[in-house]
Amino acid sequence: MAEARWNQVVGLIAEQSTQEQVSTLLGALLSHDEKLAVGGRLAVFKALLEGRISQRQIAADLGVSIATITRASNTLKSMDEDARLTLRQMLQLS
């Protein structure tokens, strides 16, 4: 059930043709704190993939917990190379 709901969210986002539409949709679905958390996680993934600074420095620079950094790092480690490459491209790192 939860996976079906998640797939519905992903599908709905994918159907939107403009950034404004996606922003309206996510603005309705996410609380202020959730938006901040998602933005923070995205910044963490980008910093980890760039690989220029330590995890502790990422936490300090972005104001996120070490636990958030660890979860993102573990997620990256569990992804296959193609998925990591796709994420790098989406984040415009390649």
PDB file of N, CA and C in Angstrom:
ATOM      1  N   MET A   1       0.818  -1.200   0.000  1.00  0.00           N
ATOM      2  CA  MET A   1       0.000   0.000   0.000  1.00  0.00           C
ATOM      3  C   MET A   1       0.861   1.262   0.000  1.00  0.00           C
ATOM      4  N   ALA A   2       1.859   1.322   0.883  1.00  0.00           N
ATOM      5  CA  ALA A   2       2.715   2.503   0.959  1.00  0.00           C
ATOM      6  C   ALA A   2       3.488   2.695  -0.339  1.00  0.00           C
ATOM      7  N   GLU A   3       3.953   1.595  -0.928  1.00  0.00           N
ATOM      8  CA  GLU A   3       4.700   1.701  -2.187  1.00  0.00           C
ATOM      9  C   GLU A   3       3.799   2.202  -3.312  1.00  0.00           C
ATOM     10  N   ALA A   4       2.566   1.760  -3.326  1.00  0.00           N
ATOM     11  CA  ALA A   4       1.617   2.228  -4.344  1.00  0.00           C
ATOM     12  C   ALA A   4       1.374   3.728  -4.197  1.00  0.00           C
ATOM     13  N   ARG A   5       1.271   4.194  -2.970  1.00  0.00           N
ATOM     14  CA  ARG A   5       1.077   5.631  -2.733  1.00  0.00           C
ATOM     15  C   ARG A   5       2.296   6.416  -3.195  1.00  0.00           C
ATOM     16  N   TRP A   6       3.484   5.892  -2.871  1.00  0.00           N
ATOM     17  CA  TRP A   6       4.715   6.558  -3.296  1.00  0.00           C
ATOM     18  C   TRP A   6       4.773   6.618  -4.827  1.00  0.00           C
ATOM     19  N   ASN A   7       4.449   5.503  -5.485  1.00  0.00           N
ATOM     20  CA  ASN A   7       4.455   5.474  -6.948  1.00  0.00           C
ATOM     21  C   ASN A   7       3.464   6.473  -7.529  1.00  0.00           C
ATOM     22  N   GLN A   8       2.349   6.672  -6.840  1.00  0.00           N
ATOM     23  CA  GLN A   8       1.374   7.666  -7.284  1.00  0.00           C
ATOM     24  C   GLN A   8       1.972   9.071  -7.202  1.00  0.00           C
ATOM     25  N   VAL A   9       2.681   9.360  -6.122  1.00  0.00           N
ATOM     26  CA  VAL A   9       3.332  10.665  -5.967  1.00  0.00           C
ATOM     27  C   VAL A   9       4.363  10.868  -7.073  1.00  0.00           C
ATOM     28  N   VAL A  10       5.217   9.868  -7.277  1.00  0.00           N
ATOM     29  CA  VAL A  10       6.255   9.966  -8.310  1.00  0.00           C
ATOM     30  C   VAL A  10       5.624  10.174  -9.686  1.00  0.00           C
ATOM     31  N   GLY A  11       4.583   9.420  -9.976  1.00  0.00           N
ATOM     32  CA  GLY A  11       3.903   9.562 -11.258  1.00  0.00           C
ATOM     33  C   GLY A  11       3.294  10.938 -11.441  1.00  0.00           C
ATOM     34  N   LEU A  12       2.689  11.453 -10.385  1.00  0.00           N
ATOM     35  CA  LEU A  12       2.071  12.772 -10.455  1.00  0.00           C
ATOM     36  C   LEU A  12       3.123  13.852 -10.698  1.00  0.00           C
ATOM     37  N   ILE A  13       4.263  13.744 -10.030  1.00  0.00           N
ATOM     38  CA  ILE A  13       5.352  14.703 -10.254  1.00  0.00           C
ATOM     39  C   ILE A  13       5.847  14.604 -11.696  1.00  0.00           C
ATOM     40  N   ALA A  14       6.025  13.391 -12.179  1.00  0.00           N
ATOM     41  CA  ALA A  14       6.534  13.182 -13.536  1.00  0.00           C
ATOM     42  C   ALA A  14       5.587  13.727 -14.601  1.00  0.00           C
ATOM     43  N   GLU A  15       4.311  13.777 -14.310  1.00  0.00           N
ATOM     44  CA  GLU A  15       3.319  14.271 -15.271  1.00  0.00           C
ATOM     45  C   GLU A  15       3.345  15.788 -15.431  1.00  0.00           C
ATOM     46  N   GLN A  16       3.947  16.493 -14.496  1.00  0.00           N
ATOM     47  CA  GLN A  16       3.945  17.949 -14.549  1.00  0.00           C
ATOM     48  C   GLN A  16       4.967  18.429 -15.578  1.00  0.00           C
ATOM     49  N   SER A  17       4.606  19.469 -16.323  1.00  0.00           N
ATOM     50  CA  SER A  17       5.472  19.912 -17.416  1.00  0.00           C
ATOM     51  C   SER A  17       6.281  21.162 -17.094  1.00  0.00           C
ATOM     52  N   THR A  18       5.985  21.810 -15.974  1.00  0.00           N
ATOM     53  CA  THR A  18       6.746  23.011 -15.630  1.00  0.00           C
ATOM     54  C   THR A  18       7.206  22.955 -14.176  1.00  0.00           C
ATOM     55  N   GLN A  19       8.255  23.714 -13.901  1.00  0.00           N
ATOM     56  CA  GLN A  19       8.750  23.816 -12.535  1.00  0.00           C
ATOM     57  C   GLN A  19       7.686  24.428 -11.630  1.00  0.00           C
ATOM     58  N   GLU A  20       6.916  25.360 -12.156  1.00  0.00           N
ATOM     59  CA  GLU A  20       5.850  25.991 -11.372  1.00  0.00           C
ATOM     60  C   GLU A  20       4.804  24.962 -10.936  1.00  0.00           C
ATOM     61  N   GLN A  21       4.441  24.050 -11.835  1.00  0.00           N
ATOM     62  CA  GLN A  21       3.473  23.008 -11.491  1.00  0.00           C
ATOM     63  C   GLN A  21       4.029  22.077 -10.417  1.00  0.00           C
ATOM     64  N   VAL A  22       5.287  21.694 -10.560  1.00  0.00           N
ATOM     65  CA  VAL A  22       5.915  20.823  -9.558  1.00  0.00           C
ATOM     66  C   VAL A  22       5.974  21.545  -8.220  1.00  0.00           C
ATOM     67  N   SER A  23       6.326  22.832  -8.248  1.00  0.00           N
ATOM     68  CA  SER A  23       6.396  23.612  -7.014  1.00  0.00           C
ATOM     69  C   SER A  23       5.030  23.704  -6.336  1.00  0.00           C
ATOM     70  N   THR A  24       3.987  23.914  -7.117  1.00  0.00           N
ATOM     71  CA  THR A  24       2.632  23.968  -6.558  1.00  0.00           C
ATOM     72  C   THR A  24       2.264  22.639  -5.917  1.00  0.00           C
ATOM     73  N   LEU A  25       2.549  21.553  -6.621  1.00  0.00           N
ATOM     74  CA  LEU A  25       2.229  20.221  -6.109  1.00  0.00           C
ATOM     75  C   LEU A  25       2.992  19.923  -4.823  1.00  0.00           C
ATOM     76  N   LEU A  26       4.314  20.116  -4.857  1.00  0.00           N
ATOM     77  CA  LEU A  26       5.110  19.820  -3.661  1.00  0.00           C
ATOM     78  C   LEU A  26       4.791  20.788  -2.527  1.00  0.00           C
ATOM     79  N   GLY A  27       4.460  22.017  -2.867  1.00  0.00           N
ATOM     80  CA  GLY A  27       4.060  22.983  -1.845  1.00  0.00           C
ATOM     81  C   GLY A  27       2.803  22.546  -1.108  1.00  0.00           C
ATOM     82  N   ALA A  28       1.910  21.884  -1.829  1.00  0.00           N
ATOM     83  CA  ALA A  28       0.683  21.382  -1.207  1.00  0.00           C
ATOM     84  C   ALA A  28       0.945  20.120  -0.395  1.00  0.00           C
ATOM     85  N   LEU A  29       1.861  19.289  -0.868  1.00  0.00           N
ATOM     86  CA  LEU A  29       2.106  17.998  -0.218  1.00  0.00           C
ATOM     87  C   LEU A  29       3.026  18.075   0.995  1.00  0.00           C
ATOM     88  N   LEU A  30       3.969  19.014   0.977  1.00  0.00           N
ATOM     89  CA  LEU A  30       5.003  19.048   2.013  1.00  0.00           C
ATOM     90  C   LEU A  30       4.821  20.228   2.953  1.00  0.00           C
ATOM     91  N   SER A  31       5.090  19.982   4.233  1.00  0.00           N
ATOM     92  CA  SER A  31       5.094  21.074   5.206  1.00  0.00           C
ATOM     93  C   SER A  31       6.372  21.892   5.023  1.00  0.00           C
ATOM     94  N   HIS A  32       6.424  23.032   5.675  1.00  0.00           N
ATOM     95  CA  HIS A  32       7.622  23.873   5.620  1.00  0.00           C
ATOM     96  C   HIS A  32       8.853  23.084   6.066  1.00  0.00           C
ATOM     97  N   ASP A  33       8.735  22.371   7.179  1.00  0.00           N
ATOM     98  CA  ASP A  33       9.865  21.591   7.694  1.00  0.00           C
ATOM     99  C   ASP A  33      10.273  20.474   6.736  1.00  0.00           C
ATOM    100  N   GLU A  34       9.295  19.844   6.096  1.00  0.00           N
ATOM    101  CA  GLU A  34       9.605  18.778   5.135  1.00  0.00           C
ATOM    102  C   GLU A  34      10.337  19.338   3.917  1.00  0.00           C
ATOM    103  N   LYS A  35       9.938  20.524   3.467  1.00  0.00           N
ATOM    104  CA  LYS A  35      10.640  21.165   2.347  1.00  0.00           C
ATOM    105  C   LYS A  35      12.087  21.444   2.722  1.00  0.00           C
ATOM    106  N   LEU A  36      12.299  21.951   3.933  1.00  0.00           N
ATOM    107  CA  LEU A  36      13.667  22.210   4.391  1.00  0.00           C
ATOM    108  C   LEU A  36      14.474  20.919   4.463  1.00  0.00           C
ATOM    109  N   ALA A  37      13.853  19.855   4.958  1.00  0.00           N
ATOM    110  CA  ALA A  37      14.544  18.568   5.085  1.00  0.00           C
ATOM    111  C   ALA A  37      14.922  18.006   3.719  1.00  0.00           C
ATOM    112  N   VAL A  38      14.004  18.074   2.770  1.00  0.00           N
ATOM    113  CA  VAL A  38      14.291  17.562   1.422  1.00  0.00           C
ATOM    114  C   VAL A  38      15.406  18.386   0.783  1.00  0.00           C
ATOM    115  N   GLY A  39      15.336  19.688   0.920  1.00  0.00           N
ATOM    116  CA  GLY A  39      16.391  20.549   0.381  1.00  0.00           C
ATOM    117  C   GLY A  39      17.739  20.251   1.015  1.00  0.00           C
ATOM    118  N   GLY A  40      17.731  20.009   2.327  1.00  0.00           N
ATOM    119  CA  GLY A  40      18.967  19.655   3.026  1.00  0.00           C
ATOM    120  C   GLY A  40      19.532  18.334   2.553  1.00  0.00           C
ATOM    121  N   ARG A  41      18.670  17.355   2.369  1.00  0.00           N
ATOM    122  CA  ARG A  41      19.129  16.040   1.894  1.00  0.00           C
ATOM    123  C   ARG A  41      19.719  16.144   0.496  1.00  0.00           C
ATOM    124  N   LEU A  42      19.089  16.925  -0.351  1.00  0.00           N
ATOM    125  CA  LEU A  42      19.611  17.110  -1.701  1.00  0.00           C
ATOM    126  C   LEU A  42      21.001  17.748  -1.662  1.00  0.00           C
ATOM    127  N   ALA A  43      21.170  18.751  -0.813  1.00  0.00           N
ATOM    128  CA  ALA A  43      22.477  19.393  -0.666  1.00  0.00           C
ATOM    129  C   ALA A  43      23.515  18.409  -0.137  1.00  0.00           C
ATOM    130  N   VAL A  44      23.113  17.526   0.772  1.00  0.00           N
ATOM    131  CA  VAL A  44      24.021  16.508   1.312  1.00  0.00           C
ATOM    132  C   VAL A  44      24.458  15.554   0.208  1.00  0.00           C
ATOM    133  N   PHE A  45      23.512  15.051  -0.577  1.00  0.00           N
ATOM    134  CA  PHE A  45      23.866  14.148  -1.676  1.00  0.00           C
ATOM    135  C   PHE A  45      24.846  14.824  -2.631  1.00  0.00           C
ATOM    136  N   LYS A  46      24.580  16.075  -2.959  1.00  0.00           N
ATOM    137  CA  LYS A  46      25.457  16.797  -3.877  1.00  0.00           C
ATOM    138  C   LYS A  46      26.861  16.924  -3.293  1.00  0.00           C
ATOM    139  N   ALA A  47      26.953  17.305  -2.031  1.00  0.00           N
ATOM    140  CA  ALA A  47      28.263  17.458  -1.393  1.00  0.00           C
ATOM    141  C   ALA A  47      29.005  16.129  -1.313  1.00  0.00           C
ATOM    142  N   LEU A  48      28.293  15.057  -0.974  1.00  0.00           N
ATOM    143  CA  LEU A  48      28.936  13.740  -0.904  1.00  0.00           C
ATOM    144  C   LEU A  48      29.446  13.310  -2.273  1.00  0.00           C
ATOM    145  N   LEU A  49      28.658  13.525  -3.300  1.00  0.00           N
ATOM    146  CA  LEU A  49      29.070  13.133  -4.647  1.00  0.00           C
ATOM    147  C   LEU A  49      30.222  13.986  -5.164  1.00  0.00           C
ATOM    148  N   GLU A  50      30.263  15.249  -4.758  1.00  0.00           N
ATOM    149  CA  GLU A  50      31.391  16.102  -5.146  1.00  0.00           C
ATOM    150  C   GLU A  50      32.672  15.618  -4.485  1.00  0.00           C
ATOM    151  N   GLY A  51      32.559  15.139  -3.248  1.00  0.00           N
ATOM    152  CA  GLY A  51      33.685  14.539  -2.549  1.00  0.00           C
ATOM    153  C   GLY A  51      34.826  15.473  -2.199  1.00  0.00           C
ATOM    154  N   ARG A  52      34.561  16.750  -2.068  1.00  0.00           N
ATOM    155  CA  ARG A  52      35.631  17.711  -1.791  1.00  0.00           C
ATOM    156  C   ARG A  52      35.886  17.959  -0.310  1.00  0.00           C
ATOM    157  N   ILE A  53      34.865  17.727   0.516  1.00  0.00           N
ATOM    158  CA  ILE A  53      35.030  17.996   1.945  1.00  0.00           C
ATOM    159  C   ILE A  53      34.543  16.802   2.758  1.00  0.00           C
ATOM    160  N   SER A  54      34.975  16.762   4.013  1.00  0.00           N
ATOM    161  CA  SER A  54      34.631  15.638   4.890  1.00  0.00           C
ATOM    162  C   SER A  54      33.151  15.676   5.267  1.00  0.00           C
ATOM    163  N   GLN A  55      32.682  14.535   5.758  1.00  0.00           N
ATOM    164  CA  GLN A  55      31.289  14.462   6.201  1.00  0.00           C
ATOM    165  C   GLN A  55      31.025  15.421   7.352  1.00  0.00           C
ATOM    166  N   ARG A  56      31.964  15.541   8.263  1.00  0.00           N
ATOM    167  CA  ARG A  56      31.784  16.485   9.384  1.00  0.00           C
ATOM    168  C   ARG A  56      31.685  17.922   8.879  1.00  0.00           C
ATOM    169  N   GLN A  57      32.494  18.246   7.883  1.00  0.00           N
ATOM    170  CA  GLN A  57      32.450  19.596   7.327  1.00  0.00           C
ATOM    171  C   GLN A  57      31.137  19.833   6.585  1.00  0.00           C
ATOM    172  N   ILE A  58      30.652  18.815   5.882  1.00  0.00           N
ATOM    173  CA  ILE A  58      29.348  18.922   5.213  1.00  0.00           C
ATOM    174  C   ILE A  58      28.267  19.224   6.251  1.00  0.00           C
ATOM    175  N   ALA A  59      28.282  18.474   7.353  1.00  0.00           N
ATOM    176  CA  ALA A  59      27.283  18.680   8.411  1.00  0.00           C
ATOM    177  C   ALA A  59      27.357  20.105   8.953  1.00  0.00           C
ATOM    178  N   ALA A  60      28.571  20.575   9.203  1.00  0.00           N
ATOM    179  CA  ALA A  60      28.742  21.924   9.742  1.00  0.00           C
ATOM    180  C   ALA A  60      28.307  22.984   8.722  1.00  0.00           C
ATOM    181  N   ASP A  61      28.725  22.825   7.482  1.00  0.00           N
ATOM    182  CA  ASP A  61      28.407  23.815   6.448  1.00  0.00           C
ATOM    183  C   ASP A  61      26.911  23.892   6.150  1.00  0.00           C
ATOM    184  N   LEU A  62      26.254  22.729   6.146  1.00  0.00           N
ATOM    185  CA  LEU A  62      24.840  22.687   5.760  1.00  0.00           C
ATOM    186  C   LEU A  62      23.887  22.742   6.950  1.00  0.00           C
ATOM    187  N   GLY A  63      24.425  22.611   8.158  1.00  0.00           N
ATOM    188  CA  GLY A  63      23.571  22.639   9.343  1.00  0.00           C
ATOM    189  C   GLY A  63      22.674  21.427   9.461  1.00  0.00           C
ATOM    190  N   VAL A  64      23.199  20.268   9.037  1.00  0.00           N
ATOM    191  CA  VAL A  64      22.448  19.018   9.141  1.00  0.00           C
ATOM    192  C   VAL A  64      23.177  18.089  10.100  1.00  0.00           C
ATOM    193  N   SER A  65      22.472  17.074  10.574  1.00  0.00           N
ATOM    194  CA  SER A  65      23.067  16.151  11.536  1.00  0.00           C
ATOM    195  C   SER A  65      23.978  15.148  10.843  1.00  0.00           C
ATOM    196  N   ILE A  66      24.893  14.590  11.618  1.00  0.00           N
ATOM    197  CA  ILE A  66      25.758  13.523  11.120  1.00  0.00           C
ATOM    198  C   ILE A  66      24.895  12.330  10.697  1.00  0.00           C
ATOM    199  N   ALA A  67      23.794  12.094  11.395  1.00  0.00           N
ATOM    200  CA  ALA A  67      22.898  10.988  11.029  1.00  0.00           C
ATOM    201  C   ALA A  67      22.345  11.174   9.619  1.00  0.00           C
ATOM    202  N   THR A  68      22.013  12.403   9.252  1.00  0.00           N
ATOM    203  CA  THR A  68      21.529  12.683   7.900  1.00  0.00           C
ATOM    204  C   THR A  68      22.617  12.388   6.879  1.00  0.00           C
ATOM    205  N   ILE A  69      23.835  12.787   7.196  1.00  0.00           N
ATOM    206  CA  ILE A  69      24.973  12.528   6.307  1.00  0.00           C
ATOM    207  C   ILE A  69      25.183  11.022   6.170  1.00  0.00           C
ATOM    208  N   THR A  70      25.135  10.309   7.284  1.00  0.00           N
ATOM    209  CA  THR A  70      25.354   8.855   7.272  1.00  0.00           C
ATOM    210  C   THR A  70      24.296   8.150   6.443  1.00  0.00           C
ATOM    211  N   ARG A  71      23.034   8.541   6.612  1.00  0.00           N
ATOM    212  CA  ARG A  71      21.960   7.921   5.822  1.00  0.00           C
ATOM    213  C   ARG A  71      22.175   8.156   4.332  1.00  0.00           C
ATOM    214  N   ALA A  72      22.534   9.363   3.970  1.00  0.00           N
ATOM    215  CA  ALA A  72      22.770   9.666   2.555  1.00  0.00           C
ATOM    216  C   ALA A  72      23.973   8.891   2.029  1.00  0.00           C
ATOM    217  N   SER A  73      25.023   8.824   2.820  1.00  0.00           N
ATOM    218  CA  SER A  73      26.217   8.075   2.424  1.00  0.00           C
ATOM    219  C   SER A  73      25.893   6.597   2.232  1.00  0.00           C
ATOM    220  N   ASN A  74      25.138   6.034   3.152  1.00  0.00           N
ATOM    221  CA  ASN A  74      24.748   4.622   3.034  1.00  0.00           C
ATOM    222  C   ASN A  74      23.858   4.388   1.814  1.00  0.00           C
ATOM    223  N   THR A  75      22.992   5.335   1.530  1.00  0.00           N
ATOM    224  CA  THR A  75      22.153   5.225   0.336  1.00  0.00           C
ATOM    225  C   THR A  75      23.014   5.209  -0.916  1.00  0.00           C
ATOM    226  N   LEU A  76      23.986   6.110  -0.982  1.00  0.00           N
ATOM    227  CA  LEU A  76      24.878   6.138  -2.144  1.00  0.00           C
ATOM    228  C   LEU A  76      25.652   4.833  -2.280  1.00  0.00           C
ATOM    229  N   LYS A  77      26.116   4.297  -1.160  1.00  0.00           N
ATOM    230  CA  LYS A  77      26.870   3.035  -1.190  1.00  0.00           C
ATOM    231  C   LYS A  77      26.006   1.879  -1.676  1.00  0.00           C
ATOM    232  N   SER A  78      24.703   1.934  -1.396  1.00  0.00           N
ATOM    233  CA  SER A  78      23.816   0.836  -1.786  1.00  0.00           C
ATOM    234  C   SER A  78      23.341   0.947  -3.240  1.00  0.00           C
ATOM    235  N   MET A  79      23.555   2.094  -3.858  1.00  0.00           N
ATOM    236  CA  MET A  79      23.134   2.301  -5.249  1.00  0.00           C
ATOM    237  C   MET A  79      24.144   1.663  -6.193  1.00  0.00           C
ATOM    238  N   ASP A  80      23.643   1.119  -7.301  1.00  0.00           N
ATOM    239  CA  ASP A  80      24.588   0.609  -8.293  1.00  0.00           C
ATOM    240  C   ASP A  80      25.201   1.791  -9.048  1.00  0.00           C
ATOM    241  N   GLU A  81      26.252   1.518  -9.784  1.00  0.00           N
ATOM    242  CA  GLU A  81      27.004   2.580 -10.456  1.00  0.00           C
ATOM    243  C   GLU A  81      26.134   3.378 -11.426  1.00  0.00           C
ATOM    244  N   ASP A  82      25.246   2.711 -12.148  1.00  0.00           N
ATOM    245  CA  ASP A  82      24.365   3.419 -13.084  1.00  0.00           C
ATOM    246  C   ASP A  82      23.450   4.404 -12.357  1.00  0.00           C
ATOM    247  N   ALA A  83      22.922   3.994 -11.216  1.00  0.00           N
ATOM    248  CA  ALA A  83      22.037   4.875 -10.445  1.00  0.00           C
ATOM    249  C   ALA A  83      22.813   6.077  -9.913  1.00  0.00           C
ATOM    250  N   ARG A  84      24.041   5.844  -9.431  1.00  0.00           N
ATOM    251  CA  ARG A  84      24.868   6.967  -8.950  1.00  0.00           C
ATOM    252  C   ARG A  84      25.183   7.930 -10.092  1.00  0.00           C
ATOM    253  N   LEU A  85      25.491   7.382 -11.267  1.00  0.00           N
ATOM    254  CA  LEU A  85      25.783   8.224 -12.426  1.00  0.00           C
ATOM    255  C   LEU A  85      24.555   9.048 -12.812  1.00  0.00           C
ATOM    256  N   THR A  86      23.393   8.426 -12.801  1.00  0.00           N
ATOM    257  CA  THR A  86      22.150   9.142 -13.101  1.00  0.00           C
ATOM    258  C   THR A  86      21.926  10.271 -12.101  1.00  0.00           C
ATOM    259  N   LEU A  87      22.141   9.995 -10.823  1.00  0.00           N
ATOM    260  CA  LEU A  87      21.982  11.024  -9.795  1.00  0.00           C
ATOM    261  C   LEU A  87      22.975  12.160 -10.017  1.00  0.00           C
ATOM    262  N   ARG A  88      24.223  11.828 -10.334  1.00  0.00           N
ATOM    263  CA  ARG A  88      25.237  12.857 -10.621  1.00  0.00           C
ATOM    264  C   ARG A  88      24.778  13.744 -11.782  1.00  0.00           C
ATOM    265  N   GLN A  89      24.231  13.123 -12.808  1.00  0.00           N
ATOM    266  CA  GLN A  89      23.764  13.886 -13.969  1.00  0.00           C
ATOM    267  C   GLN A  89      22.586  14.778 -13.595  1.00  0.00           C
ATOM    268  N   MET A  90      21.659  14.258 -12.806  1.00  0.00           N
ATOM    269  CA  MET A  90      20.512  15.063 -12.380  1.00  0.00           C
ATOM    270  C   MET A  90      20.963  16.260 -11.555  1.00  0.00           C
ATOM    271  N   LEU A  91      22.028  16.073 -10.779  1.00  0.00           N
ATOM    272  CA  LEU A  91      22.554  17.154  -9.947  1.00  0.00           C
ATOM    273  C   LEU A  91      23.578  17.997 -10.696  1.00  0.00           C
ATOM    274  N   GLN A  92      23.730  17.715 -11.979  1.00  0.00           N
ATOM    275  CA  GLN A  92      24.645  18.436 -12.869  1.00  0.00           C
ATOM    276  C   GLN A  92      26.077  18.416 -12.357  1.00  0.00           C
ATOM    277  N   LEU A  93      26.523  17.227 -11.940  1.00  0.00           N
ATOM    278  CA  LEU A  93      27.881  17.054 -11.437  1.00  0.00           C
ATOM    279  C   LEU A  93      28.777  16.349 -12.446  1.00  0.00           C
ATOM    280  N   SER A  94      28.222  15.880 -13.545  1.00  0.00           N
ATOM    281  CA  SER A  94      29.035  15.165 -14.539  1.00  0.00           C
ATOM    282  C   SER A  94      29.165  15.966 -15.801  1.00  0.00           C
TER     283      SER A  94
END
